[in-house]
PDB file of all heavy atoms in Angstrom:
ATOM      1  N   LYS A   1       0.804  -1.215   0.000  1.00  0.00           N
ATOM      2  CA  LYS A   1       0.000   0.000   0.000  1.00  0.00           C
ATOM      3  C   LYS A   1       0.840   1.269   0.000  1.00  0.00           C
ATOM      4  O   LYS A   1       0.291   2.371  -0.003  1.00  0.00           O
ATOM      5  CB  LYS A   1      -0.928   0.020   1.215  1.00  0.00           C
ATOM      6  CG  LYS A   1      -1.954  -1.098   1.233  1.00  0.00           C
ATOM      7  CD  LYS A   1      -2.848  -1.003   2.455  1.00  0.00           C
ATOM      8  CE  LYS A   1      -3.893  -2.106   2.459  1.00  0.00           C
ATOM      9  NZ  LYS A   1      -4.764  -2.043   3.670  1.00  0.00           N
ATOM     10  N   ASN A   2       2.162   1.118   0.009  1.00  0.00           N
ATOM     11  CA  ASN A   2       3.073   2.262   0.062  1.00  0.00           C
ATOM     12  C   ASN A   2       2.704   3.203   1.207  1.00  0.00           C
ATOM     13  O   ASN A   2       2.606   4.424   1.027  1.00  0.00           O
ATOM     14  CB  ASN A   2       3.074   3.014  -1.268  1.00  0.00           C
ATOM     15  CG  ASN A   2       3.615   2.184  -2.405  1.00  0.00           C
ATOM     16  OD1 ASN A   2       4.608   1.472  -2.247  1.00  0.00           O
ATOM     17  ND2 ASN A   2       2.984   2.265  -3.560  1.00  0.00           N
ATOM     18  N   THR A   3       2.511   2.617   2.375  1.00  0.00           N
ATOM     19  CA  THR A   3       2.056   3.381   3.526  1.00  0.00           C
ATOM     20  C   THR A   3       2.892   3.058   4.763  1.00  0.00           C
ATOM     21  O   THR A   3       3.192   1.896   5.032  1.00  0.00           O
ATOM     22  CB  THR A   3       0.580   3.104   3.822  1.00  0.00           C
ATOM     23  OG1 THR A   3      -0.201   3.417   2.661  1.00  0.00           O
ATOM     24  CG2 THR A   3       0.087   3.956   4.984  1.00  0.00           C
ATOM     25  N   LEU A   4       3.244   4.088   5.499  1.00  0.00           N
ATOM     26  CA  LEU A   4       3.947   3.989   6.771  1.00  0.00           C
ATOM     27  C   LEU A   4       2.958   4.308   7.885  1.00  0.00           C
ATOM     28  O   LEU A   4       2.130   5.211   7.738  1.00  0.00           O
ATOM     29  CB  LEU A   4       5.102   4.984   6.795  1.00  0.00           C
ATOM     30  CG  LEU A   4       5.920   5.088   8.075  1.00  0.00           C
ATOM     31  CD1 LEU A   4       6.787   3.845   8.246  1.00  0.00           C
ATOM     32  CD2 LEU A   4       6.774   6.347   8.053  1.00  0.00           C
ATOM     33  N   TYR A   5       3.050   3.581   9.004  1.00  0.00           N
ATOM     34  CA  TYR A   5       2.145   3.787  10.124  1.00  0.00           C
ATOM     35  C   TYR A   5       2.908   4.051  11.414  1.00  0.00           C
ATOM     36  O   TYR A   5       4.039   3.602  11.593  1.00  0.00           O
ATOM     37  CB  TYR A   5       1.267   2.553  10.351  1.00  0.00           C
ATOM     38  CG  TYR A   5       0.413   2.167   9.178  1.00  0.00           C
ATOM     39  CD1 TYR A   5       0.814   1.142   8.323  1.00  0.00           C
ATOM     40  CD2 TYR A   5      -0.794   2.808   8.928  1.00  0.00           C
ATOM     41  CE1 TYR A   5       0.028   0.772   7.244  1.00  0.00           C
ATOM     42  CE2 TYR A   5      -1.581   2.441   7.851  1.00  0.00           C
ATOM     43  CZ  TYR A   5      -1.169   1.426   7.009  1.00  0.00           C
ATOM     44  OH  TYR A   5      -1.953   1.058   5.941  1.00  0.00           O
ATOM     45  N   LEU A   6       2.258   4.760  12.319  1.00  0.00           N
ATOM     46  CA  LEU A   6       2.736   4.887  13.684  1.00  0.00           C
ATOM     47  C   LEU A   6       1.544   4.674  14.607  1.00  0.00           C
ATOM     48  O   LEU A   6       0.670   5.532  14.695  1.00  0.00           O
ATOM     49  CB  LEU A   6       3.374   6.255  13.944  1.00  0.00           C
ATOM     50  CG  LEU A   6       4.006   6.418  15.329  1.00  0.00           C
ATOM     51  CD1 LEU A   6       5.239   5.511  15.460  1.00  0.00           C
ATOM     52  CD2 LEU A   6       4.396   7.872  15.586  1.00  0.00           C
ATOM     53  N   GLN A   7       1.508   3.512  15.254  1.00  0.00           N
ATOM     54  CA  GLN A   7       0.481   3.226  16.243  1.00  0.00           C
ATOM     55  C   GLN A   7       0.940   3.799  17.574  1.00  0.00           C
ATOM     56  O   GLN A   7       1.994   3.415  18.080  1.00  0.00           O
ATOM     57  CB  GLN A   7       0.247   1.721  16.368  1.00  0.00           C
ATOM     58  CG  GLN A   7      -0.786   1.330  17.407  1.00  0.00           C
ATOM     59  CD  GLN A   7      -2.180   1.791  17.048  1.00  0.00           C
ATOM     60  OE1 GLN A   7      -2.617   1.603  15.922  1.00  0.00           O
ATOM     61  NE2 GLN A   7      -2.874   2.400  17.998  1.00  0.00           N
ATOM     62  N   MET A   8       0.156   4.700  18.147  1.00  0.00           N
ATOM     63  CA  MET A   8       0.512   5.374  19.387  1.00  0.00           C
ATOM     64  C   MET A   8      -0.506   5.004  20.459  1.00  0.00           C
ATOM     65  O   MET A   8      -1.684   5.347  20.348  1.00  0.00           O
ATOM     66  CB  MET A   8       0.552   6.889  19.186  1.00  0.00           C
ATOM     67  CG  MET A   8       1.471   7.323  18.047  1.00  0.00           C
ATOM     68  SD  MET A   8       1.680   9.126  17.967  1.00  0.00           S
ATOM     69  CE  MET A   8       0.017   9.625  17.576  1.00  0.00           C
ATOM     70  N   ASN A   9      -0.051   4.292  21.481  1.00  0.00           N
ATOM     71  CA  ASN A   9      -0.895   3.890  22.602  1.00  0.00           C
ATOM     72  C   ASN A   9      -0.419   4.571  23.876  1.00  0.00           C
ATOM     73  O   ASN A   9       0.699   5.077  23.952  1.00  0.00           O
ATOM     74  CB  ASN A   9      -0.861   2.375  22.784  1.00  0.00           C
ATOM     75  CG  ASN A   9      -1.390   1.618  21.595  1.00  0.00           C
ATOM     76  OD1 ASN A   9      -2.318   2.062  20.920  1.00  0.00           O
ATOM     77  ND2 ASN A   9      -0.812   0.444  21.326  1.00  0.00           N
ATOM     78  N   SER A  10      -1.275   4.562  24.885  1.00  0.00           N
ATOM     79  CA  SER A  10      -0.947   5.149  26.187  1.00  0.00           C
ATOM     80  C   SER A  10      -0.391   6.556  26.036  1.00  0.00           C
ATOM     81  O   SER A  10       0.629   6.917  26.622  1.00  0.00           O
ATOM     82  CB  SER A  10       0.048   4.254  26.934  1.00  0.00           C
ATOM     83  OG  SER A  10      -0.478   2.956  27.129  1.00  0.00           O
ATOM     84  N   LEU A  11      -1.076   7.360  25.247  1.00  0.00           N
ATOM     85  CA  LEU A  11      -0.596   8.704  24.952  1.00  0.00           C
ATOM     86  C   LEU A  11      -0.566   9.576  26.205  1.00  0.00           C
ATOM     87  O   LEU A  11      -1.421   9.453  27.080  1.00  0.00           O
ATOM     88  CB  LEU A  11      -1.457   9.350  23.877  1.00  0.00           C
ATOM     89  CG  LEU A  11      -1.148   8.860  22.459  1.00  0.00           C
ATOM     90  CD1 LEU A  11      -2.304   9.177  21.522  1.00  0.00           C
ATOM     91  CD2 LEU A  11       0.144   9.499  21.954  1.00  0.00           C
ATOM     92  N   LYS A  12       0.428  10.443  26.250  1.00  0.00           N
ATOM     93  CA  LYS A  12       0.642  11.360  27.362  1.00  0.00           C
ATOM     94  C   LYS A  12       0.596  12.791  26.854  1.00  0.00           C
ATOM     95  O   LYS A  12       0.886  13.045  25.683  1.00  0.00           O
ATOM     96  CB  LYS A  12       2.007  11.100  28.004  1.00  0.00           C
ATOM     97  CG  LYS A  12       2.239   9.677  28.459  1.00  0.00           C
ATOM     98  CD  LYS A  12       3.671   9.506  28.947  1.00  0.00           C
ATOM     99  CE  LYS A  12       3.920   8.089  29.407  1.00  0.00           C
ATOM    100  NZ  LYS A  12       5.318   7.917  29.874  1.00  0.00           N
ATOM    101  N   PRO A  13       0.265  13.757  27.713  1.00  0.00           N
ATOM    102  CA  PRO A  13       0.279  15.157  27.277  1.00  0.00           C
ATOM    103  C   PRO A  13       1.611  15.581  26.664  1.00  0.00           C
ATOM    104  O   PRO A  13       1.619  16.401  25.739  1.00  0.00           O
ATOM    105  CB  PRO A  13      -0.018  15.923  28.569  1.00  0.00           C
ATOM    106  CG  PRO A  13      -0.870  14.975  29.351  1.00  0.00           C
ATOM    107  CD  PRO A  13      -0.281  13.611  29.077  1.00  0.00           C
ATOM    108  N   GLU A  14       2.710  15.036  27.149  1.00  0.00           N
ATOM    109  CA  GLU A  14       4.013  15.392  26.611  1.00  0.00           C
ATOM    110  C   GLU A  14       4.267  14.848  25.210  1.00  0.00           C
ATOM    111  O   GLU A  14       5.293  15.163  24.597  1.00  0.00           O
ATOM    112  CB  GLU A  14       5.149  14.960  27.554  1.00  0.00           C
ATOM    113  CG  GLU A  14       5.053  13.520  28.009  1.00  0.00           C
ATOM    114  CD  GLU A  14       4.404  13.380  29.374  1.00  0.00           C
ATOM    115  OE1 GLU A  14       3.339  13.988  29.602  1.00  0.00           O
ATOM    116  OE2 GLU A  14       4.971  12.655  30.221  1.00  0.00           O
ATOM    117  N   ASP A  15       3.351  14.030  24.685  1.00  0.00           N
ATOM    118  CA  ASP A  15       3.430  13.597  23.293  1.00  0.00           C
ATOM    119  C   ASP A  15       2.831  14.623  22.342  1.00  0.00           C
ATOM    120  O   ASP A  15       2.916  14.453  21.122  1.00  0.00           O
ATOM    121  CB  ASP A  15       2.702  12.260  23.096  1.00  0.00           C
ATOM    122  CG  ASP A  15       3.358  11.113  23.848  1.00  0.00           C
ATOM    123  OD1 ASP A  15       4.599  11.008  23.820  1.00  0.00           O
ATOM    124  OD2 ASP A  15       2.619  10.309  24.448  1.00  0.00           O
ATOM    125  N   THR A  16       2.218  15.662  22.870  1.00  0.00           N
ATOM    126  CA  THR A  16       1.608  16.697  22.041  1.00  0.00           C
ATOM    127  C   THR A  16       2.675  17.370  21.187  1.00  0.00           C
ATOM    128  O   THR A  16       3.650  17.917  21.700  1.00  0.00           O
ATOM    129  CB  THR A  16       0.894  17.730  22.912  1.00  0.00           C
ATOM    130  OG1 THR A  16      -0.192  17.101  23.593  1.00  0.00           O
ATOM    131  CG2 THR A  16       0.355  18.874  22.067  1.00  0.00           C
ATOM    132  N   ALA A  17       2.489  17.335  19.873  1.00  0.00           N
ATOM    133  CA  ALA A  17       3.483  17.867  18.943  1.00  0.00           C
ATOM    134  C   ALA A  17       2.945  17.781  17.524  1.00  0.00           C
ATOM    135  O   ALA A  17       1.913  17.162  17.267  1.00  0.00           O
ATOM    136  CB  ALA A  17       4.797  17.080  19.036  1.00  0.00           C
ATOM    137  N   MET A  18       3.669  18.405  16.611  1.00  0.00           N
ATOM    138  CA  MET A  18       3.440  18.182  15.195  1.00  0.00           C
ATOM    139  C   MET A  18       4.276  16.975  14.788  1.00  0.00           C
ATOM    140  O   MET A  18       5.486  16.931  15.068  1.00  0.00           O
ATOM    141  CB  MET A  18       3.835  19.406  14.381  1.00  0.00           C
ATOM    142  CG  MET A  18       3.518  19.297  12.896  1.00  0.00           C
ATOM    143  SD  MET A  18       1.749  19.397  12.526  1.00  0.00           S
ATOM    144  CE  MET A  18       1.450  21.139  12.844  1.00  0.00           C
ATOM    145  N   TYR A  19       3.649  16.002  14.149  1.00  0.00           N
ATOM    146  CA  TYR A  19       4.328  14.780  13.736  1.00  0.00           C
ATOM    147  C   TYR A  19       4.537  14.776  12.230  1.00  0.00           C
ATOM    148  O   TYR A  19       3.612  15.057  11.465  1.00  0.00           O
ATOM    149  CB  TYR A  19       3.521  13.551  14.153  1.00  0.00           C
ATOM    150  CG  TYR A  19       3.646  13.241  15.625  1.00  0.00           C
ATOM    151  CD1 TYR A  19       3.012  14.044  16.571  1.00  0.00           C
ATOM    152  CD2 TYR A  19       4.409  12.166  16.071  1.00  0.00           C
ATOM    153  CE1 TYR A  19       3.142  13.784  17.925  1.00  0.00           C
ATOM    154  CE2 TYR A  19       4.541  11.896  17.424  1.00  0.00           C
ATOM    155  CZ  TYR A  19       3.907  12.707  18.346  1.00  0.00           C
ATOM    156  OH  TYR A  19       4.037  12.437  19.690  1.00  0.00           O
ATOM    157  N   TYR A  20       5.749  14.443  11.817  1.00  0.00           N
ATOM    158  CA  TYR A  20       6.133  14.418  10.411  1.00  0.00           C
ATOM    159  C   TYR A  20       6.629  13.035  10.022  1.00  0.00           C
ATOM    160  O   TYR A  20       7.320  12.384  10.798  1.00  0.00           O
ATOM    161  CB  TYR A  20       7.275  15.410  10.145  1.00  0.00           C
ATOM    162  CG  TYR A  20       6.969  16.844  10.472  1.00  0.00           C
ATOM    163  CD1 TYR A  20       7.148  17.343  11.756  1.00  0.00           C
ATOM    164  CD2 TYR A  20       6.515  17.714   9.483  1.00  0.00           C
ATOM    165  CE1 TYR A  20       6.875  18.670  12.057  1.00  0.00           C
ATOM    166  CE2 TYR A  20       6.237  19.040   9.776  1.00  0.00           C
ATOM    167  CZ  TYR A  20       6.426  19.511  11.064  1.00  0.00           C
ATOM    168  OH  TYR A  20       6.155  20.828  11.353  1.00  0.00           O
ATOM    169  N   CYS A  21       6.314  12.605   8.809  1.00  0.00           N
ATOM    170  CA  CYS A  21       6.936  11.398   8.294  1.00  0.00           C
ATOM    171  C   CYS A  21       8.045  11.777   7.332  1.00  0.00           C
ATOM    172  O   CYS A  21       8.058  12.869   6.762  1.00  0.00           O
ATOM    173  CB  CYS A  21       5.926  10.451   7.634  1.00  0.00           C
ATOM    174  SG  CYS A  21       5.093  11.072   6.167  1.00  0.00           S
ATOM    175  N   ALA A  22       9.004  10.878   7.178  1.00  0.00           N
ATOM    176  CA  ALA A  22      10.164  11.128   6.336  1.00  0.00           C
ATOM    177  C   ALA A  22      10.608   9.831   5.676  1.00  0.00           C
ATOM    178  O   ALA A  22      10.356   8.740   6.193  1.00  0.00           O
ATOM    179  CB  ALA A  22      11.311  11.709   7.170  1.00  0.00           C
ATOM    180  N   ALA A  23      11.285   9.948   4.548  1.00  0.00           N
ATOM    181  CA  ALA A  23      11.789   8.780   3.836  1.00  0.00           C
ATOM    182  C   ALA A  23      13.111   9.106   3.173  1.00  0.00           C
ATOM    183  O   ALA A  23      13.364  10.253   2.796  1.00  0.00           O
ATOM    184  CB  ALA A  23      10.784   8.301   2.789  1.00  0.00           C
ATOM    185  N   ASP A  24      13.946   8.090   3.053  1.00  0.00           N
ATOM    186  CA  ASP A  24      15.204   8.239   2.332  1.00  0.00           C
ATOM    187  C   ASP A  24      15.361   7.064   1.386  1.00  0.00           C
ATOM    188  O   ASP A  24      15.155   5.918   1.789  1.00  0.00           O
ATOM    189  CB  ASP A  24      16.399   8.303   3.278  1.00  0.00           C
ATOM    190  CG  ASP A  24      17.616   8.890   2.590  1.00  0.00           C
ATOM    191  OD1 ASP A  24      18.376   8.118   1.971  1.00  0.00           O
ATOM    192  OD2 ASP A  24      17.789  10.117   2.655  1.00  0.00           O
ATOM    193  N   PRO A  25      15.718   7.327   0.130  1.00  0.00           N
ATOM    194  CA  PRO A  25      15.746   6.250  -0.865  1.00  0.00           C
ATOM    195  C   PRO A  25      16.831   5.209  -0.666  1.00  0.00           C
ATOM    196  O   PRO A  25      16.628   4.060  -1.081  1.00  0.00           O
ATOM    197  CB  PRO A  25      15.934   6.998  -2.188  1.00  0.00           C
ATOM    198  CG  PRO A  25      16.604   8.277  -1.801  1.00  0.00           C
ATOM    199  CD  PRO A  25      15.999   8.630  -0.477  1.00  0.00           C
ATOM    200  N   ARG A  26      17.964   5.554  -0.039  1.00  0.00           N
ATOM    201  CA  ARG A  26      19.077   4.623  -0.025  1.00  0.00           C
ATOM    202  C   ARG A  26      19.912   4.597   1.252  1.00  0.00           C
ATOM    203  O   ARG A  26      20.913   3.863   1.289  1.00  0.00           O
ATOM    204  CB  ARG A  26      19.986   4.899  -1.213  1.00  0.00           C
ATOM    205  CG  ARG A  26      20.538   6.308  -1.262  1.00  0.00           C
ATOM    206  CD  ARG A  26      21.318   6.539  -2.560  1.00  0.00           C
ATOM    207  NE  ARG A  26      21.773   7.913  -2.653  1.00  0.00           N
ATOM    208  CZ  ARG A  26      22.897   8.369  -2.105  1.00  0.00           C
ATOM    209  NH1 ARG A  26      23.694   7.547  -1.418  1.00  0.00           N
ATOM    210  NH2 ARG A  26      23.232   9.644  -2.251  1.00  0.00           N
ATOM    211  N   ARG A  27      19.542   5.337   2.275  1.00  0.00           N
ATOM    212  CA  ARG A  27      20.330   5.392   3.500  1.00  0.00           C
ATOM    213  C   ARG A  27      19.507   4.992   4.713  1.00  0.00           C
ATOM    214  O   ARG A  27      18.365   5.419   4.867  1.00  0.00           O
ATOM    215  CB  ARG A  27      20.886   6.802   3.721  1.00  0.00           C
ATOM    216  CG  ARG A  27      21.792   7.310   2.622  1.00  0.00           C
ATOM    217  CD  ARG A  27      22.224   8.746   2.908  1.00  0.00           C
ATOM    218  NE  ARG A  27      21.081   9.657   2.904  1.00  0.00           N
ATOM    219  CZ  ARG A  27      21.142  10.943   3.248  1.00  0.00           C
ATOM    220  NH1 ARG A  27      22.303  11.469   3.633  1.00  0.00           N
ATOM    221  NH2 ARG A  27      20.051  11.695   3.208  1.00  0.00           N
ATOM    222  N   TRP A  28      20.093   4.182   5.597  1.00  0.00           N
ATOM    223  CA  TRP A  28      19.490   3.837   6.879  1.00  0.00           C
ATOM    224  C   TRP A  28      19.957   4.892   7.877  1.00  0.00           C
ATOM    225  O   TRP A  28      21.069   4.819   8.411  1.00  0.00           O
ATOM    226  CB  TRP A  28      19.900   2.430   7.284  1.00  0.00           C
ATOM    227  CG  TRP A  28      19.514   1.964   8.663  1.00  0.00           C
ATOM    228  CD1 TRP A  28      20.286   1.234   9.516  1.00  0.00           C
ATOM    229  CD2 TRP A  28      18.270   2.162   9.349  1.00  0.00           C
ATOM    230  NE1 TRP A  28      19.608   0.965  10.665  1.00  0.00           N
ATOM    231  CE2 TRP A  28      18.361   1.527  10.600  1.00  0.00           C
ATOM    232  CE3 TRP A  28      17.072   2.822   9.016  1.00  0.00           C
ATOM    233  CZ2 TRP A  28      17.320   1.518  11.536  1.00  0.00           C
ATOM    234  CZ3 TRP A  28      16.039   2.826   9.945  1.00  0.00           C
ATOM    235  CH2 TRP A  28      16.162   2.179  11.176  1.00  0.00           C
ATOM    236  N   LEU A  29      19.127   5.864   8.104  1.00  0.00           N
ATOM    237  CA  LEU A  29      19.482   7.030   8.888  1.00  0.00           C
ATOM    238  C   LEU A  29      19.071   6.936  10.351  1.00  0.00           C
ATOM    239  O   LEU A  29      19.365   7.859  11.128  1.00  0.00           O
ATOM    240  CB  LEU A  29      18.862   8.284   8.271  1.00  0.00           C
ATOM    241  CG  LEU A  29      19.423   8.679   6.903  1.00  0.00           C
ATOM    242  CD1 LEU A  29      18.557   9.761   6.273  1.00  0.00           C
ATOM    243  CD2 LEU A  29      20.861   9.157   7.039  1.00  0.00           C
ATOM    244  N   LEU A  30      18.383   5.853  10.729  1.00  0.00           N
ATOM    245  CA  LEU A  30      17.892   5.709  12.102  1.00  0.00           C
ATOM    246  C   LEU A  30      17.073   6.935  12.488  1.00  0.00           C
ATOM    247  O   LEU A  30      16.158   7.308  11.761  1.00  0.00           O
ATOM    248  CB  LEU A  30      19.059   5.453  13.058  1.00  0.00           C
ATOM    249  CG  LEU A  30      19.809   4.139  12.800  1.00  0.00           C
ATOM    250  CD1 LEU A  30      21.033   4.355  11.939  1.00  0.00           C
ATOM    251  CD2 LEU A  30      20.197   3.484  14.105  1.00  0.00           C
ATOM    252  N   LEU A  31      17.399   7.588  13.597  1.00  0.00           N
ATOM    253  CA  LEU A  31      16.639   8.744  14.057  1.00  0.00           C
ATOM    254  C   LEU A  31      17.323  10.075  13.745  1.00  0.00           C
ATOM    255  O   LEU A  31      16.936  11.107  14.290  1.00  0.00           O
ATOM    256  CB  LEU A  31      16.366   8.629  15.561  1.00  0.00           C
ATOM    257  CG  LEU A  31      15.534   7.413  15.979  1.00  0.00           C
ATOM    258  CD1 LEU A  31      15.386   7.367  17.490  1.00  0.00           C
ATOM    259  CD2 LEU A  31      14.173   7.433  15.309  1.00  0.00           C
ATOM    260  N   ARG A  32      18.305  10.044  12.871  1.00  0.00           N
ATOM    261  CA  ARG A  32      18.951  11.279  12.460  1.00  0.00           C
ATOM    262  C   ARG A  32      18.039  12.047  11.510  1.00  0.00           C
ATOM    263  O   ARG A  32      17.176  11.481  10.844  1.00  0.00           O
ATOM    264  CB  ARG A  32      20.311  10.996  11.801  1.00  0.00           C
ATOM    265  CG  ARG A  32      21.262  10.234  12.699  1.00  0.00           C
ATOM    266  CD  ARG A  32      22.709  10.325  12.222  1.00  0.00           C
ATOM    267  NE  ARG A  32      22.896   9.942  10.842  1.00  0.00           N
ATOM    268  CZ  ARG A  32      23.080   8.697  10.424  1.00  0.00           C
ATOM    269  NH1 ARG A  32      23.095   7.694  11.298  1.00  0.00           N
ATOM    270  NH2 ARG A  32      23.263   8.456   9.135  1.00  0.00           N
ATOM    271  N   GLY A  33      18.262  13.344  11.406  1.00  0.00           N
ATOM    272  CA  GLY A  33      17.350  14.223  10.697  1.00  0.00           C
ATOM    273  C   GLY A  33      17.620  14.468   9.226  1.00  0.00           C
ATOM    274  O   GLY A  33      16.954  15.313   8.631  1.00  0.00           O
ATOM    275  N   GLU A  34      18.548  13.747   8.627  1.00  0.00           N
ATOM    276  CA  GLU A  34      18.964  14.026   7.263  1.00  0.00           C
ATOM    277  C   GLU A  34      18.154  13.321   6.170  1.00  0.00           C
ATOM    278  O   GLU A  34      18.648  13.125   5.064  1.00  0.00           O
ATOM    279  CB  GLU A  34      20.443  13.674   7.078  1.00  0.00           C
ATOM    280  CG  GLU A  34      21.385  14.416   8.037  1.00  0.00           C
ATOM    281  CD  GLU A  34      21.750  13.585   9.248  1.00  0.00           C
ATOM    282  OE1 GLU A  34      20.847  12.996   9.880  1.00  0.00           O
ATOM    283  OE2 GLU A  34      22.957  13.520   9.586  1.00  0.00           O
ATOM    284  N   TYR A  35      16.917  12.944   6.461  1.00  0.00           N
ATOM    285  CA  TYR A  35      16.085  12.279   5.465  1.00  0.00           C
ATOM    286  C   TYR A  35      15.837  13.190   4.265  1.00  0.00           C
ATOM    287  O   TYR A  35      15.722  14.407   4.408  1.00  0.00           O
ATOM    288  CB  TYR A  35      14.754  11.845   6.080  1.00  0.00           C
ATOM    289  CG  TYR A  35      14.883  10.625   6.953  1.00  0.00           C
ATOM    290  CD1 TYR A  35      15.415  10.719   8.240  1.00  0.00           C
ATOM    291  CD2 TYR A  35      14.492   9.377   6.490  1.00  0.00           C
ATOM    292  CE1 TYR A  35      15.551   9.589   9.039  1.00  0.00           C
ATOM    293  CE2 TYR A  35      14.619   8.243   7.281  1.00  0.00           C
ATOM    294  CZ  TYR A  35      15.145   8.360   8.552  1.00  0.00           C
ATOM    295  OH  TYR A  35      15.272   7.241   9.352  1.00  0.00           O
ATOM    296  N   THR A  36      15.744  12.587   3.096  1.00  0.00           N
ATOM    297  CA  THR A  36      15.623  13.344   1.859  1.00  0.00           C
ATOM    298  C   THR A  36      14.235  13.933   1.656  1.00  0.00           C
ATOM    299  O   THR A  36      14.091  15.075   1.208  1.00  0.00           O
ATOM    300  CB  THR A  36      15.980  12.451   0.657  1.00  0.00           C
ATOM    301  OG1 THR A  36      17.322  11.969   0.808  1.00  0.00           O
ATOM    302  CG2 THR A  36      15.874  13.218  -0.654  1.00  0.00           C
ATOM    303  N   HIS A  37      13.199  13.162   1.979  1.00  0.00           N
ATOM    304  CA  HIS A  37      11.825  13.576   1.706  1.00  0.00           C
ATOM    305  C   HIS A  37      11.010  13.661   2.984  1.00  0.00           C
ATOM    306  O   HIS A  37      11.125  12.795   3.861  1.00  0.00           O
ATOM    307  CB  HIS A  37      11.169  12.610   0.716  1.00  0.00           C
ATOM    308  CG  HIS A  37      11.866  12.545  -0.596  1.00  0.00           C
ATOM    309  ND1 HIS A  37      12.589  11.452  -1.009  1.00  0.00           N
ATOM    310  CD2 HIS A  37      11.965  13.454  -1.595  1.00  0.00           C
ATOM    311  CE1 HIS A  37      13.107  11.681  -2.198  1.00  0.00           C
ATOM    312  NE2 HIS A  37      12.737  12.899  -2.577  1.00  0.00           N
ATOM    313  N   TRP A  38      10.181  14.694   3.061  1.00  0.00           N
ATOM    314  CA  TRP A  38       9.396  14.982   4.258  1.00  0.00           C
ATOM    315  C   TRP A  38       7.952  15.305   3.912  1.00  0.00           C
ATOM    316  O   TRP A  38       7.675  15.909   2.870  1.00  0.00           O
ATOM    317  CB  TRP A  38       9.980  16.180   5.005  1.00  0.00           C
ATOM    318  CG  TRP A  38      11.330  15.934   5.568  1.00  0.00           C
ATOM    319  CD1 TRP A  38      12.526  16.016   4.921  1.00  0.00           C
ATOM    320  CD2 TRP A  38      11.632  15.563   6.910  1.00  0.00           C
ATOM    321  NE1 TRP A  38      13.556  15.715   5.773  1.00  0.00           N
ATOM    322  CE2 TRP A  38      13.038  15.433   7.004  1.00  0.00           C
ATOM    323  CE3 TRP A  38      10.850  15.327   8.045  1.00  0.00           C
ATOM    324  CZ2 TRP A  38      13.669  15.076   8.189  1.00  0.00           C
ATOM    325  CZ3 TRP A  38      11.481  14.971   9.220  1.00  0.00           C
ATOM    326  CH2 TRP A  38      12.868  14.855   9.291  1.00  0.00           C
ATOM    327  N   GLY A  39       7.044  14.924   4.809  1.00  0.00           N
ATOM    328  CA  GLY A  39       5.677  15.369   4.716  1.00  0.00           C
ATOM    329  C   GLY A  39       5.513  16.721   5.381  1.00  0.00           C
ATOM    330  O   GLY A  39       6.466  17.291   5.924  1.00  0.00           O
ATOM    331  N   GLN A  40       4.297  17.244   5.366  1.00  0.00           N
ATOM    332  CA  GLN A  40       4.032  18.561   5.931  1.00  0.00           C
ATOM    333  C   GLN A  40       3.498  18.530   7.354  1.00  0.00           C
ATOM    334  O   GLN A  40       3.307  19.578   7.962  1.00  0.00           O
ATOM    335  CB  GLN A  40       3.082  19.346   5.024  1.00  0.00           C
ATOM    336  CG  GLN A  40       3.728  19.754   3.710  1.00  0.00           C
ATOM    337  CD  GLN A  40       2.920  20.782   2.958  1.00  0.00           C
ATOM    338  OE1 GLN A  40       1.781  20.528   2.585  1.00  0.00           O
ATOM    339  NE2 GLN A  40       3.518  21.944   2.748  1.00  0.00           N
TER     340      GLN A  40
END
């Protein structure tokens, strides 16, 4: 389906934020911020 998901359970007030998805065509970047493509 070309879809990425984030299931969020036991949410806390400190989880309040703007959430963005990102993708990189050829690099395993882990949690670093250098992803090539970003959503809004």
